[in-house]
C-alpha cells in the first residue's frame, strides 16, 4: 500500500449552506427538547433507535454528518411530525 504523502490531506467535510446548517440545528434542538419533555434518557432513546449515544448526541447538536434517515427515525420515535 502507498502511504499518504506529506502534501496530501484527507478530504474535508462538505461545506453546507447556512440555511441547511440552521435547519439541521433546528431539528436537532427539537429532538433534544422533545426527548427531555418526554423524560426519556439519551441512552434509552439511542438504544431504541439502534444507534450509539455518540450518534444521538450528534443528532441533538444538529451535526449535518449524521445520515438523514437516522435523524428522521429518532424524530419519529419521539412522535415528532415531519
Protein backbone atom coordinates (compact mmCIF):
# COMPACT_ATOMS: atom_id res chain seq x y z
CA UNK A 1 0.00 0.00 0.00
CA UNK A 2 1.13 3.51 -0.72
CA UNK A 3 1.43 5.83 2.22
CA UNK A 4 -0.17 9.23 2.04
CA UNK A 5 2.44 11.76 1.02
CA UNK A 6 3.11 14.70 3.28
CA UNK A 7 1.42 17.08 0.83
CA UNK A 8 -1.79 15.07 0.56
CA UNK A 9 -4.50 15.70 3.09
CA UNK A 10 -7.69 13.79 3.81
CA UNK A 11 -10.85 15.15 2.23
CA UNK A 12 -12.63 17.73 4.32
CA UNK A 13 -16.27 17.61 5.26
CA UNK A 14 -18.61 19.04 2.69
CA UNK A 15 -19.40 22.69 3.36
CA UNK A 16 -23.15 23.03 3.88
CA UNK A 17 -25.04 26.26 3.24
CA UNK A 18 -26.02 28.43 6.17
CA UNK A 19 -29.77 27.66 5.74
CA UNK A 20 -29.04 23.91 5.62
CA UNK A 21 -26.95 24.06 8.80
CA UNK A 22 -29.66 26.13 10.53
CA UNK A 23 -32.34 23.61 9.55
CA UNK A 24 -30.34 20.67 10.86
CA UNK A 25 -29.64 22.51 14.13
CA UNK A 26 -33.34 23.38 14.47
CA UNK A 27 -34.42 19.75 14.04
CA UNK A 28 -31.72 18.58 16.44
CA UNK A 29 -32.86 21.08 19.06
CA UNK A 30 -36.47 19.95 18.62
CA UNK A 31 -35.42 16.32 19.09
CA UNK A 32 -33.48 17.15 22.27
CA UNK A 33 -36.36 19.26 23.63
CA UNK A 34 -38.93 16.52 22.98
CA UNK A 35 -36.72 13.81 24.47
CA UNK A 36 -36.35 15.82 27.66
CA UNK A 37 -40.06 16.72 27.74
CA UNK A 38 -40.93 13.03 27.44
CA UNK A 39 -38.38 12.24 30.18
CA UNK A 40 -36.55 9.74 28.01
CA UNK A 41 -32.87 9.33 28.74
CA UNK A 42 -30.40 9.74 25.91
CA UNK A 43 -29.18 6.20 26.49
CA UNK A 44 -32.72 4.78 26.25
CA UNK A 45 -33.51 6.69 23.07
CA UNK A 46 -30.21 5.67 21.48
CA UNK A 47 -30.97 2.04 22.27
CA UNK A 48 -34.50 2.30 20.83
CA UNK A 49 -33.11 3.92 17.68
CA UNK A 50 -30.32 1.32 17.49
CA UNK A 51 -27.63 3.97 17.36
CA UNK A 52 -24.76 4.84 19.64
CA UNK A 53 -25.06 7.50 22.31
CA UNK A 54 -22.39 9.46 20.43
CA UNK A 55 -24.56 9.46 17.30
CA UNK A 56 -27.61 10.60 19.27
CA UNK A 57 -25.58 13.47 20.70
CA UNK A 58 -24.64 14.46 17.15
CA UNK A 59 -28.31 14.33 16.15
CA UNK A 60 -29.27 16.58 19.05
CA UNK A 61 -26.44 19.03 18.29
CA UNK A 62 -27.62 19.21 14.71
CA UNK A 63 -24.44 17.94 13.13
CA UNK A 64 -25.03 17.51 9.38
CA UNK A 65 -22.73 14.47 9.22
CA UNK A 66 -25.47 12.17 10.59
CA UNK A 67 -27.49 10.29 7.96
CA UNK A 68 -30.88 11.89 7.38
CA UNK A 69 -32.65 8.55 7.85
CA UNK A 70 -31.15 8.26 11.33
CA UNK A 71 -32.31 11.77 12.26
CA UNK A 72 -35.82 11.05 10.96
CA UNK A 73 -36.01 7.73 12.82
CA UNK A 74 -35.13 9.42 16.11
CA UNK A 75 -37.74 12.12 15.45
CA UNK A 76 -40.41 9.50 14.67
CA UNK A 77 -39.60 7.54 17.83
CA UNK A 78 -40.34 10.72 19.80
CA UNK A 79 -43.58 11.39 17.90
CA UNK A 80 -42.30 14.49 16.13
CA UNK A 81 -44.28 15.20 12.97
CA UNK A 82 -42.04 15.60 9.95
